[in-house]
């Protein structure tokens, strides 16, 4: 990952120049919020979920997370659902129910 980051940084520097960092306080507070609550707090919660459900079933949280993010965006940012987005969310939730209610395969 380090080598990939260094290659990406070198390519970006060569093609677009040095990065322009925002000076807005809200930007940096939002970044700090995401760093703390999006990583530091949630990783232990996810590992607890893995211990309780198992890695395979815990991975399905990625399906739910997208739909929850869309609901938050609807409430906080005025996102307007399209027919395609609604159908996708319903299909994702239906697939999640099917996947989590399936019996474990016999060994």
PDB file of N, CA and C in Angstrom:
ATOM      1  N   UNK A   1       0.832  -1.191   0.000  1.00  0.00           N
ATOM      2  CA  UNK A   1       0.000   0.000   0.000  1.00  0.00           C
ATOM      3  C   UNK A   1       0.874   1.251   0.000  1.00  0.00           C
ATOM      4  N   UNK A   2       1.986   1.185   0.716  1.00  0.00           N
ATOM      5  CA  UNK A   2       2.886   2.338   0.762  1.00  0.00           C
ATOM      6  C   UNK A   2       3.441   2.641  -0.625  1.00  0.00           C
ATOM      7  N   UNK A   3       3.882   1.600  -1.341  1.00  0.00           N
ATOM      8  CA  UNK A   3       4.428   1.823  -2.683  1.00  0.00           C
ATOM      9  C   UNK A   3       3.360   2.370  -3.625  1.00  0.00           C
ATOM     10  N   UNK A   4       2.149   1.861  -3.528  1.00  0.00           N
ATOM     11  CA  UNK A   4       1.060   2.370  -4.360  1.00  0.00           C
ATOM     12  C   UNK A   4       0.756   3.824  -4.052  1.00  0.00           C
ATOM     13  N   UNK A   5       0.753   4.176  -2.773  1.00  0.00           N
ATOM     14  CA  UNK A   5       0.514   5.565  -2.368  1.00  0.00           C
ATOM     15  C   UNK A   5       1.610   6.480  -2.902  1.00  0.00           C
ATOM     16  N   UNK A   6       2.851   6.037  -2.776  1.00  0.00           N
ATOM     17  CA  UNK A   6       3.958   6.853  -3.267  1.00  0.00           C
ATOM     18  C   UNK A   6       3.894   7.019  -4.785  1.00  0.00           C
ATOM     19  N   UNK A   7       3.546   5.961  -5.502  1.00  0.00           N
ATOM     20  CA  UNK A   7       3.411   6.063  -6.968  1.00  0.00           C
ATOM     21  C   UNK A   7       2.267   6.996  -7.347  1.00  0.00           C
ATOM     22  N   UNK A   8       1.134   6.872  -6.642  1.00  0.00           N
ATOM     23  CA  UNK A   8      -0.003   7.764  -6.906  1.00  0.00           C
ATOM     24  C   UNK A   8       0.366   9.215  -6.628  1.00  0.00           C
ATOM     25  N   UNK A   9       1.048   9.452  -5.520  1.00  0.00           N
ATOM     26  CA  UNK A   9       1.441  10.813  -5.161  1.00  0.00           C
ATOM     27  C   UNK A   9       2.411  11.390  -6.184  1.00  0.00           C
ATOM     28  N   UNK A  10       3.366  10.582  -6.630  1.00  0.00           N
ATOM     29  CA  UNK A  10       4.334  11.055  -7.629  1.00  0.00           C
ATOM     30  C   UNK A  10       3.641  11.366  -8.944  1.00  0.00           C
ATOM     31  N   UNK A  11       2.728  10.511  -9.369  1.00  0.00           N
ATOM     32  CA  UNK A  11       1.997  10.738 -10.615  1.00  0.00           C
ATOM     33  C   UNK A  11       1.132  11.996 -10.516  1.00  0.00           C
ATOM     34  N   UNK A  12       0.446  12.163  -9.396  1.00  0.00           N
ATOM     35  CA  UNK A  12      -0.392  13.348  -9.213  1.00  0.00           C
ATOM     36  C   UNK A  12       0.452  14.613  -9.187  1.00  0.00           C
ATOM     37  N   UNK A  13       1.581  14.562  -8.513  1.00  0.00           N
ATOM     38  CA  UNK A  13       2.466  15.727  -8.456  1.00  0.00           C
ATOM     39  C   UNK A  13       3.003  16.076  -9.841  1.00  0.00           C
ATOM     40  N   UNK A  14       3.343  15.057 -10.620  1.00  0.00           N
ATOM     41  CA  UNK A  14       3.887  15.294 -11.956  1.00  0.00           C
ATOM     42  C   UNK A  14       2.828  15.809 -12.929  1.00  0.00           C
ATOM     43  N   UNK A  15       1.588  15.364 -12.780  1.00  0.00           N
ATOM     44  CA  UNK A  15       0.564  15.744 -13.754  1.00  0.00           C
ATOM     45  C   UNK A  15      -0.259  16.959 -13.348  1.00  0.00           C
ATOM     46  N   UNK A  16      -0.496  17.138 -12.048  1.00  0.00           N
ATOM     47  CA  UNK A  16      -1.379  18.229 -11.608  1.00  0.00           C
ATOM     48  C   UNK A  16      -0.697  19.232 -10.686  1.00  0.00           C
ATOM     49  N   UNK A  17       0.512  18.951 -10.258  1.00  0.00           N
ATOM     50  CA  UNK A  17       1.205  19.866  -9.365  1.00  0.00           C
ATOM     51  C   UNK A  17       0.914  19.553  -7.904  1.00  0.00           C
ATOM     52  N   UNK A  18       1.428  20.410  -7.029  1.00  0.00           N
ATOM     53  CA  UNK A  18       1.251  20.146  -5.602  1.00  0.00           C
ATOM     54  C   UNK A  18      -0.221  20.255  -5.193  1.00  0.00           C
ATOM     55  N   UNK A  19      -0.598  19.519  -4.158  1.00  0.00           N
ATOM     56  CA  UNK A  19      -1.998  19.553  -3.732  1.00  0.00           C
ATOM     57  C   UNK A  19      -2.386  20.907  -3.147  1.00  0.00           C
ATOM     58  N   UNK A  20      -3.638  21.254  -3.327  1.00  0.00           N
ATOM     59  CA  UNK A  20      -4.177  22.478  -2.747  1.00  0.00           C
ATOM     60  C   UNK A  20      -5.022  22.060  -1.554  1.00  0.00           C
ATOM     61  N   UNK A  21      -4.581  22.419  -0.368  1.00  0.00           N
ATOM     62  CA  UNK A  21      -5.294  22.028   0.846  1.00  0.00           C
ATOM     63  C   UNK A  21      -6.326  23.089   1.211  1.00  0.00           C
ATOM     64  N   UNK A  22      -7.522  22.661   1.538  1.00  0.00           N
ATOM     65  CA  UNK A  22      -8.562  23.616   1.922  1.00  0.00           C
ATOM     66  C   UNK A  22      -8.201  24.328   3.231  1.00  0.00           C
ATOM     67  N   UNK A  23      -8.648  25.554   3.365  1.00  0.00           N
ATOM     68  CA  UNK A  23      -8.404  26.308   4.598  1.00  0.00           C
ATOM     69  C   UNK A  23      -9.673  26.446   5.425  1.00  0.00           C
ATOM     70  N   UNK A  24     -10.769  25.913   4.934  1.00  0.00           N
ATOM     71  CA  UNK A  24     -12.049  26.008   5.623  1.00  0.00           C
ATOM     72  C   UNK A  24     -12.051  25.151   6.887  1.00  0.00           C
ATOM     73  N   UNK A  25     -12.442  25.735   7.995  1.00  0.00           N
ATOM     74  CA  UNK A  25     -12.479  25.018   9.273  1.00  0.00           C
ATOM     75  C   UNK A  25     -13.476  23.865   9.233  1.00  0.00           C
ATOM     76  N   UNK A  26     -14.602  24.066   8.590  1.00  0.00           N
ATOM     77  CA  UNK A  26     -15.615  23.018   8.507  1.00  0.00           C
ATOM     78  C   UNK A  26     -15.061  21.780   7.808  1.00  0.00           C
ATOM     79  N   UNK A  27     -14.228  21.970   6.807  1.00  0.00           N
ATOM     80  CA  UNK A  27     -13.614  20.845   6.105  1.00  0.00           C
ATOM     81  C   UNK A  27     -12.758  20.023   7.059  1.00  0.00           C
ATOM     82  N   UNK A  28     -11.907  20.680   7.814  1.00  0.00           N
ATOM     83  CA  UNK A  28     -11.002  19.977   8.715  1.00  0.00           C
ATOM     84  C   UNK A  28     -11.748  19.344   9.888  1.00  0.00           C
ATOM     85  N   UNK A  29     -12.807  19.990  10.362  1.00  0.00           N
ATOM     86  CA  UNK A  29     -13.615  19.383  11.421  1.00  0.00           C
ATOM     87  C   UNK A  29     -14.345  18.142  10.889  1.00  0.00           C
ATOM     88  N   UNK A  30     -14.838  18.224   9.670  1.00  0.00           N
ATOM     89  CA  UNK A  30     -15.481  17.069   9.053  1.00  0.00           C
ATOM     90  C   UNK A  30     -14.506  15.930   8.839  1.00  0.00           C
ATOM     91  N   UNK A  31     -13.289  16.254   8.431  1.00  0.00           N
ATOM     92  CA  UNK A  31     -12.260  15.234   8.251  1.00  0.00           C
ATOM     93  C   UNK A  31     -11.904  14.579   9.581  1.00  0.00           C
ATOM     94  N   UNK A  32     -11.772  15.386  10.623  1.00  0.00           N
ATOM     95  CA  UNK A  32     -11.481  14.838  11.952  1.00  0.00           C
ATOM     96  C   UNK A  32     -12.628  13.961  12.442  1.00  0.00           C
ATOM     97  N   UNK A  33     -13.856  14.399  12.208  1.00  0.00           N
ATOM     98  CA  UNK A  33     -15.028  13.602  12.600  1.00  0.00           C
ATOM     99  C   UNK A  33     -15.007  12.244  11.912  1.00  0.00           C
ATOM    100  N   UNK A  34     -14.743  12.240  10.597  1.00  0.00           N
ATOM    101  CA  UNK A  34     -14.696  10.982   9.864  1.00  0.00           C
ATOM    102  C   UNK A  34     -13.548  10.098  10.337  1.00  0.00           C
ATOM    103  N   UNK A  35     -12.421  10.697  10.670  1.00  0.00           N
ATOM    104  CA  UNK A  35     -11.288   9.911  11.151  1.00  0.00           C
ATOM    105  C   UNK A  35     -11.620   9.234  12.474  1.00  0.00           C
ATOM    106  N   UNK A  36     -12.262   9.967  13.371  1.00  0.00           N
ATOM    107  CA  UNK A  36     -12.564   9.413  14.694  1.00  0.00           C
ATOM    108  C   UNK A  36     -13.725   8.437  14.626  1.00  0.00           C
ATOM    109  N   UNK A  37     -14.862   8.884  14.109  1.00  0.00           N
ATOM    110  CA  UNK A  37     -16.056   8.042  14.137  1.00  0.00           C
ATOM    111  C   UNK A  37     -16.111   7.048  12.981  1.00  0.00           C
ATOM    112  N   UNK A  38     -15.429   7.336  11.891  1.00  0.00           N
ATOM    113  CA  UNK A  38     -15.438   6.425  10.759  1.00  0.00           C
ATOM    114  C   UNK A  38     -14.379   5.350  10.848  1.00  0.00           C
ATOM    115  N   UNK A  39     -13.413   5.511  11.736  1.00  0.00           N
ATOM    116  CA  UNK A  39     -12.343   4.523  11.847  1.00  0.00           C
ATOM    117  C   UNK A  39     -12.139   4.061  13.281  1.00  0.00           C
ATOM    118  N   UNK A  40     -11.766   4.993  14.126  1.00  0.00           N
ATOM    119  CA  UNK A  40     -11.385   4.639  15.492  1.00  0.00           C
ATOM    120  C   UNK A  40     -12.543   3.994  16.254  1.00  0.00           C
ATOM    121  N   UNK A  41     -13.731   4.516  16.109  1.00  0.00           N
ATOM    122  CA  UNK A  41     -14.886   3.994  16.850  1.00  0.00           C
ATOM    123  C   UNK A  41     -15.472   2.763  16.168  1.00  0.00           C
ATOM    124  N   UNK A  42     -15.547   2.774  14.855  1.00  0.00           N
ATOM    125  CA  UNK A  42     -16.264   1.700  14.168  1.00  0.00           C
ATOM    126  C   UNK A  42     -15.478   0.402  14.015  1.00  0.00           C
ATOM    127  N   UNK A  43     -14.154   0.458  13.968  1.00  0.00           N
ATOM    128  CA  UNK A  43     -13.392  -0.781  13.816  1.00  0.00           C
ATOM    129  C   UNK A  43     -13.618  -1.746  14.969  1.00  0.00           C
ATOM    130  N   UNK A  44     -13.538  -1.309  16.227  1.00  0.00           N
ATOM    131  CA  UNK A  44     -13.838  -2.262  17.317  1.00  0.00           C
ATOM    132  C   UNK A  44     -15.274  -2.790  17.250  1.00  0.00           C
ATOM    133  N   UNK A  45     -16.206  -1.952  16.819  1.00  0.00           N
ATOM    134  CA  UNK A  45     -17.583  -2.419  16.684  1.00  0.00           C
ATOM    135  C   UNK A  45     -17.691  -3.490  15.606  1.00  0.00           C
ATOM    136  N   UNK A  46     -16.987  -3.303  14.506  1.00  0.00           N
ATOM    137  CA  UNK A  46     -17.022  -4.277  13.414  1.00  0.00           C
ATOM    138  C   UNK A  46     -16.380  -5.590  13.840  1.00  0.00           C
ATOM    139  N   UNK A  47     -15.286  -5.526  14.566  1.00  0.00           N
ATOM    140  CA  UNK A  47     -14.649  -6.756  15.037  1.00  0.00           C
ATOM    141  C   UNK A  47     -15.542  -7.498  16.020  1.00  0.00           C
ATOM    142  N   UNK A  48     -16.296  -6.776  16.824  1.00  0.00           N
ATOM    143  CA  UNK A  48     -17.268  -7.420  17.704  1.00  0.00           C
ATOM    144  C   UNK A  48     -18.330  -8.122  16.868  1.00  0.00           C
ATOM    145  N   UNK A  49     -18.770  -7.463  15.810  1.00  0.00           N
ATOM    146  CA  UNK A  49     -19.745  -8.064  14.904  1.00  0.00           C
ATOM    147  C   UNK A  49     -19.188  -9.330  14.262  1.00  0.00           C
ATOM    148  N   UNK A  50     -17.933  -9.310  13.878  1.00  0.00           N
ATOM    149  CA  UNK A  50     -17.296 -10.491  13.290  1.00  0.00           C
ATOM    150  C   UNK A  50     -17.255 -11.636  14.291  1.00  0.00           C
ATOM    151  N   UNK A  51     -16.911 -11.326  15.537  1.00  0.00           N
ATOM    152  CA  UNK A  51     -16.867 -12.373  16.565  1.00  0.00           C
ATOM    153  C   UNK A  51     -18.249 -12.974  16.811  1.00  0.00           C
ATOM    154  N   UNK A  52     -19.276 -12.154  16.769  1.00  0.00           N
ATOM    155  CA  UNK A  52     -20.619 -12.640  17.074  1.00  0.00           C
ATOM    156  C   UNK A  52     -21.285 -13.344  15.897  1.00  0.00           C
ATOM    157  N   UNK A  53     -21.093 -12.829  14.687  1.00  0.00           N
ATOM    158  CA  UNK A  53     -21.780 -13.391  13.513  1.00  0.00           C
ATOM    159  C   UNK A  53     -20.899 -14.261  12.634  1.00  0.00           C
ATOM    160  N   UNK A  54     -19.614 -14.038  12.700  1.00  0.00           N
ATOM    161  CA  UNK A  54     -18.694 -14.683  11.774  1.00  0.00           C
ATOM    162  C   UNK A  54     -18.369 -13.724  10.633  1.00  0.00           C
ATOM    163  N   UNK A  55     -17.244 -13.938  10.014  1.00  0.00           N
ATOM    164  CA  UNK A  55     -16.763 -13.011   8.988  1.00  0.00           C
ATOM    165  C   UNK A  55     -17.683 -12.934   7.776  1.00  0.00           C
ATOM    166  N   UNK A  56     -18.207 -14.070   7.342  1.00  0.00           N
ATOM    167  CA  UNK A  56     -19.066 -14.084   6.157  1.00  0.00           C
ATOM    168  C   UNK A  56     -20.336 -13.282   6.353  1.00  0.00           C
ATOM    169  N   UNK A  57     -21.009 -13.518   7.459  1.00  0.00           N
ATOM    170  CA  UNK A  57     -22.258 -12.804   7.717  1.00  0.00           C
ATOM    171  C   UNK A  57     -22.001 -11.337   8.064  1.00  0.00           C
ATOM    172  N   UNK A  58     -20.905 -11.051   8.725  1.00  0.00           N
ATOM    173  CA  UNK A  58     -20.597  -9.666   9.080  1.00  0.00           C
ATOM    174  C   UNK A  58     -20.307  -8.828   7.836  1.00  0.00           C
ATOM    175  N   UNK A  59     -19.817  -9.456   6.792  1.00  0.00           N
ATOM    176  CA  UNK A  59     -19.497  -8.728   5.558  1.00  0.00           C
ATOM    177  C   UNK A  59     -20.739  -8.149   4.895  1.00  0.00           C
ATOM    178  N   UNK A  60     -21.911  -8.700   5.199  1.00  0.00           N
ATOM    179  CA  UNK A  60     -23.141  -8.196   4.609  1.00  0.00           C
ATOM    180  C   UNK A  60     -23.510  -6.806   5.113  1.00  0.00           C
ATOM    181  N   UNK A  61     -22.815  -6.315   6.141  1.00  0.00           N
ATOM    182  CA  UNK A  61     -23.131  -4.973   6.620  1.00  0.00           C
ATOM    183  C   UNK A  61     -22.856  -3.920   5.544  1.00  0.00           C
ATOM    184  N   UNK A  62     -21.995  -4.251   4.584  1.00  0.00           N
ATOM    185  CA  UNK A  62     -21.733  -3.331   3.483  1.00  0.00           C
ATOM    186  C   UNK A  62     -22.960  -3.074   2.633  1.00  0.00           C
ATOM    187  N   UNK A  63     -23.856  -4.052   2.558  1.00  0.00           N
ATOM    188  CA  UNK A  63     -25.102  -3.881   1.810  1.00  0.00           C
ATOM    189  C   UNK A  63     -26.016  -2.910   2.548  1.00  0.00           C
ATOM    190  N   UNK A  64     -26.158  -3.130   3.836  1.00  0.00           N
ATOM    191  CA  UNK A  64     -27.042  -2.283   4.649  1.00  0.00           C
ATOM    192  C   UNK A  64     -26.493  -0.862   4.726  1.00  0.00           C
ATOM    193  N   UNK A  65     -25.181  -0.748   4.815  1.00  0.00           N
ATOM    194  CA  UNK A  65     -24.550   0.560   4.989  1.00  0.00           C
ATOM    195  C   UNK A  65     -24.875   1.517   3.845  1.00  0.00           C
ATOM    196  N   UNK A  66     -24.917   1.024   2.630  1.00  0.00           N
ATOM    197  CA  UNK A  66     -25.219   1.876   1.478  1.00  0.00           C
ATOM    198  C   UNK A  66     -26.645   2.414   1.564  1.00  0.00           C
ATOM    199  N   UNK A  67     -27.577   1.548   1.924  1.00  0.00           N
ATOM    200  CA  UNK A  67     -28.969   1.983   2.026  1.00  0.00           C
ATOM    201  C   UNK A  67     -29.137   2.974   3.177  1.00  0.00           C
ATOM    202  N   UNK A  68     -28.473   2.727   4.300  1.00  0.00           N
ATOM    203  CA  UNK A  68     -28.533   3.663   5.427  1.00  0.00           C
ATOM    204  C   UNK A  68     -27.930   5.011   5.037  1.00  0.00           C
ATOM    205  N   UNK A  69     -26.825   4.987   4.299  1.00  0.00           N
ATOM    206  CA  UNK A  69     -26.212   6.244   3.845  1.00  0.00           C
ATOM    207  C   UNK A  69     -27.164   7.013   2.940  1.00  0.00           C
ATOM    208  N   UNK A  70     -27.899   6.302   2.096  1.00  0.00           N
ATOM    209  CA  UNK A  70     -28.869   6.970   1.224  1.00  0.00           C
ATOM    210  C   UNK A  70     -30.009   7.580   2.039  1.00  0.00           C
ATOM    211  N   UNK A  71     -30.426   6.890   3.101  1.00  0.00           N
ATOM    212  CA  UNK A  71     -31.475   7.433   3.967  1.00  0.00           C
ATOM    213  C   UNK A  71     -30.987   8.684   4.704  1.00  0.00           C
ATOM    214  N   UNK A  72     -29.753   8.636   5.195  1.00  0.00           N
ATOM    215  CA  UNK A  72     -29.180   9.825   5.832  1.00  0.00           C
ATOM    216  C   UNK A  72     -29.090  10.981   4.843  1.00  0.00           C
ATOM    217  N   UNK A  73     -28.660  10.677   3.632  1.00  0.00           N
ATOM    218  CA  UNK A  73     -28.552  11.707   2.608  1.00  0.00           C
ATOM    219  C   UNK A  73     -29.917  12.299   2.277  1.00  0.00           C
ATOM    220  N   UNK A  74     -30.951  11.468   2.305  1.00  0.00           N
ATOM    221  CA  UNK A  74     -32.310  11.948   2.067  1.00  0.00           C
ATOM    222  C   UNK A  74     -32.729  12.925   3.160  1.00  0.00           C
ATOM    223  N   UNK A  75     -32.467  12.561   4.399  1.00  0.00           N
ATOM    224  CA  UNK A  75     -32.878  13.389   5.535  1.00  0.00           C
ATOM    225  C   UNK A  75     -32.046  14.654   5.682  1.00  0.00           C
ATOM    226  N   UNK A  76     -30.751  14.562   5.418  1.00  0.00           N
ATOM    227  CA  UNK A  76     -29.858  15.681   5.723  1.00  0.00           C
ATOM    228  C   UNK A  76     -29.460  16.528   4.522  1.00  0.00           C
ATOM    229  N   UNK A  77     -29.483  15.929   3.340  1.00  0.00           N
ATOM    230  CA  UNK A  77     -28.990  16.642   2.155  1.00  0.00           C
ATOM    231  C   UNK A  77     -30.033  16.829   1.065  1.00  0.00           C
ATOM    232  N   UNK A  78     -31.220  16.309   1.295  1.00  0.00           N
ATOM    233  CA  UNK A  78     -32.271  16.477   0.300  1.00  0.00           C
ATOM    234  C   UNK A  78     -32.166  15.553  -0.891  1.00  0.00           C
ATOM    235  N   UNK A  79     -31.505  14.403  -0.717  1.00  0.00           N
ATOM    236  CA  UNK A  79     -31.413  13.431  -1.810  1.00  0.00           C
ATOM    237  C   UNK A  79     -32.810  13.001  -2.230  1.00  0.00           C
ATOM    238  N   UNK A  80     -33.035  12.938  -3.529  1.00  0.00           N
ATOM    239  CA  UNK A  80     -34.329  12.504  -4.058  1.00  0.00           C
ATOM    240  C   UNK A  80     -34.154  11.145  -4.711  1.00  0.00           C
ATOM    241  N   UNK A  81     -34.920  10.199  -4.214  1.00  0.00           N
ATOM    242  CA  UNK A  81     -34.824   8.835  -4.693  1.00  0.00           C
ATOM    243  C   UNK A  81     -35.416   8.720  -6.099  1.00  0.00           C
ATOM    244  N   UNK A  82     -34.723   8.007  -6.949  1.00  0.00           N
ATOM    245  CA  UNK A  82     -35.257   7.672  -8.263  1.00  0.00           C
ATOM    246  C   UNK A  82     -35.864   6.270  -8.184  1.00  0.00           C
ATOM    247  N   UNK A  83     -36.576   5.892  -9.203  1.00  0.00           N
ATOM    248  CA  UNK A  83     -37.138   4.551  -9.253  1.00  0.00           C
ATOM    249  C   UNK A  83     -36.016   3.508  -9.228  1.00  0.00           C
ATOM    250  N   UNK A  84     -34.936   3.792  -9.940  1.00  0.00           N
ATOM    251  CA  UNK A  84     -33.805   2.867  -9.986  1.00  0.00           C
ATOM    252  C   UNK A  84     -33.155   2.725  -8.607  1.00  0.00           C
ATOM    253  N   UNK A  85     -32.968   3.851  -7.898  1.00  0.00           N
ATOM    254  CA  UNK A  85     -32.358   3.801  -6.565  1.00  0.00           C
ATOM    255  C   UNK A  85     -33.249   3.041  -5.590  1.00  0.00           C
ATOM    256  N   UNK A  86     -34.546   3.293  -5.632  1.00  0.00           N
ATOM    257  CA  UNK A  86     -35.478   2.591  -4.754  1.00  0.00           C
ATOM    258  C   UNK A  86     -35.517   1.097  -5.040  1.00  0.00           C
ATOM    259  N   UNK A  87     -35.559   0.752  -6.321  1.00  0.00           N
ATOM    260  CA  UNK A  87     -35.573  -0.659  -6.701  1.00  0.00           C
ATOM    261  C   UNK A  87     -34.268  -1.339  -6.285  1.00  0.00           C
ATOM    262  N   UNK A  88     -33.160  -0.645  -6.452  1.00  0.00           N
ATOM    263  CA  UNK A  88     -31.868  -1.203  -6.042  1.00  0.00           C
ATOM    264  C   UNK A  88     -31.796  -1.438  -4.547  1.00  0.00           C
ATOM    265  N   UNK A  89     -32.305  -0.474  -3.770  1.00  0.00           N
ATOM    266  CA  UNK A  89     -32.310  -0.630  -2.313  1.00  0.00           C
ATOM    267  C   UNK A  89     -33.199  -1.798  -1.893  1.00  0.00           C
ATOM    268  N   UNK A  90     -34.365  -1.919  -2.520  1.00  0.00           N
ATOM    269  CA  UNK A  90     -35.263  -3.036  -2.197  1.00  0.00           C
ATOM    270  C   UNK A  90     -34.647  -4.378  -2.572  1.00  0.00           C
ATOM    271  N   UNK A  91     -34.035  -4.453  -3.731  1.00  0.00           N
ATOM    272  CA  UNK A  91     -33.384  -5.699  -4.136  1.00  0.00           C
ATOM    273  C   UNK A  91     -32.216  -6.050  -3.224  1.00  0.00           C
ATOM    274  N   UNK A  92     -31.457  -5.036  -2.826  1.00  0.00           N
ATOM    275  CA  UNK A  92     -30.329  -5.281  -1.918  1.00  0.00           C
ATOM    276  C   UNK A  92     -30.819  -5.814  -0.579  1.00  0.00           C
ATOM    277  N   UNK A  93     -31.879  -5.222  -0.043  1.00  0.00           N
ATOM    278  CA  UNK A  93     -32.408  -5.671   1.242  1.00  0.00           C
ATOM    279  C   UNK A  93     -33.026  -7.069   1.124  1.00  0.00           C
ATOM    280  N   UNK A  94     -33.710  -7.332   0.022  1.00  0.00           N
ATOM    281  CA  UNK A  94     -34.285  -8.662  -0.188  1.00  0.00           C
ATOM    282  C   UNK A  94     -33.174  -9.709  -0.302  1.00  0.00           C
ATOM    283  N   UNK A  95     -32.128  -9.391  -1.024  1.00  0.00           N
ATOM    284  CA  UNK A  95     -30.991 -10.306  -1.139  1.00  0.00           C
ATOM    285  C   UNK A  95     -30.323 -10.544   0.198  1.00  0.00           C
ATOM    286  N   UNK A  96     -30.247  -9.502   1.004  1.00  0.00           N
ATOM    287  CA  UNK A  96     -29.656  -9.622   2.334  1.00  0.00           C
ATOM    288  C   UNK A  96     -30.482 -10.554   3.209  1.00  0.00           C
ATOM    289  N   UNK A  97     -31.804 -10.411   3.154  1.00  0.00           N
ATOM    290  CA  UNK A  97     -32.682 -11.283   3.938  1.00  0.00           C
ATOM    291  C   UNK A  97     -32.515 -12.733   3.498  1.00  0.00           C
ATOM    292  N   UNK A  98     -32.476 -12.962   2.206  1.00  0.00           N
ATOM    293  CA  UNK A  98     -32.298 -14.324   1.680  1.00  0.00           C
ATOM    294  C   UNK A  98     -30.948 -14.884   2.122  1.00  0.00           C
ATOM    295  N   UNK A  99     -29.901 -14.087   1.990  1.00  0.00           N
ATOM    296  CA  UNK A  99     -28.555 -14.565   2.324  1.00  0.00           C
ATOM    297  C   UNK A  99     -28.415 -14.866   3.816  1.00  0.00           C
ATOM    298  N   UNK A 100     -28.971 -14.025   4.652  1.00  0.00           N
ATOM    299  CA  UNK A 100     -28.823 -14.239   6.096  1.00  0.00           C
ATOM    300  C   UNK A 100     -29.749 -15.303   6.641  1.00  0.00           C
ATOM    301  N   UNK A 101     -30.830 -15.615   5.924  1.00  0.00           N
ATOM    302  CA  UNK A 101     -31.745 -16.647   6.417  1.00  0.00           C
ATOM    303  C   UNK A 101     -31.429 -18.018   5.837  1.00  0.00           C
ATOM    304  N   UNK A 102     -30.472 -18.099   4.940  1.00  0.00           N
ATOM    305  CA  UNK A 102     -30.098 -19.381   4.349  1.00  0.00           C
ATOM    306  C   UNK A 102     -29.467 -20.272   5.402  1.00  0.00           C
ATOM    307  N   UNK A 103     -29.723 -21.548   5.266  1.00  0.00           N
ATOM    308  CA  UNK A 103     -29.122 -22.518   6.187  1.00  0.00           C
ATOM    309  C   UNK A 103     -27.646 -22.656   5.905  1.00  0.00           C
ATOM    310  N   UNK A 104     -26.889 -23.001   6.921  1.00  0.00           N
ATOM    311  CA  UNK A 104     -25.467 -23.238   6.740  1.00  0.00           C
ATOM    312  C   UNK A 104     -25.280 -24.535   5.951  1.00  0.00           C
ATOM    313  N   UNK A 105     -24.323 -24.562   5.030  1.00  0.00           N
ATOM    314  CA  UNK A 105     -24.097 -25.795   4.269  1.00  0.00           C
ATOM    315  C   UNK A 105     -23.566 -26.908   5.187  1.00  0.00           C
ATOM    316  N   UNK A 106     -23.956 -28.114   4.920  1.00  0.00           N
ATOM    317  CA  UNK A 106     -23.455 -29.229   5.738  1.00  0.00           C
ATOM    318  C   UNK A 106     -22.042 -29.567   5.321  1.00  0.00           C
ATOM    319  N   UNK A 107     -21.243 -29.937   6.293  1.00  0.00           N
ATOM    320  CA  UNK A 107     -19.834 -30.250   5.993  1.00  0.00           C
ATOM    321  C   UNK A 107     -19.576 -31.721   6.038  1.00  0.00           C
TER     322      UNK A 107
END
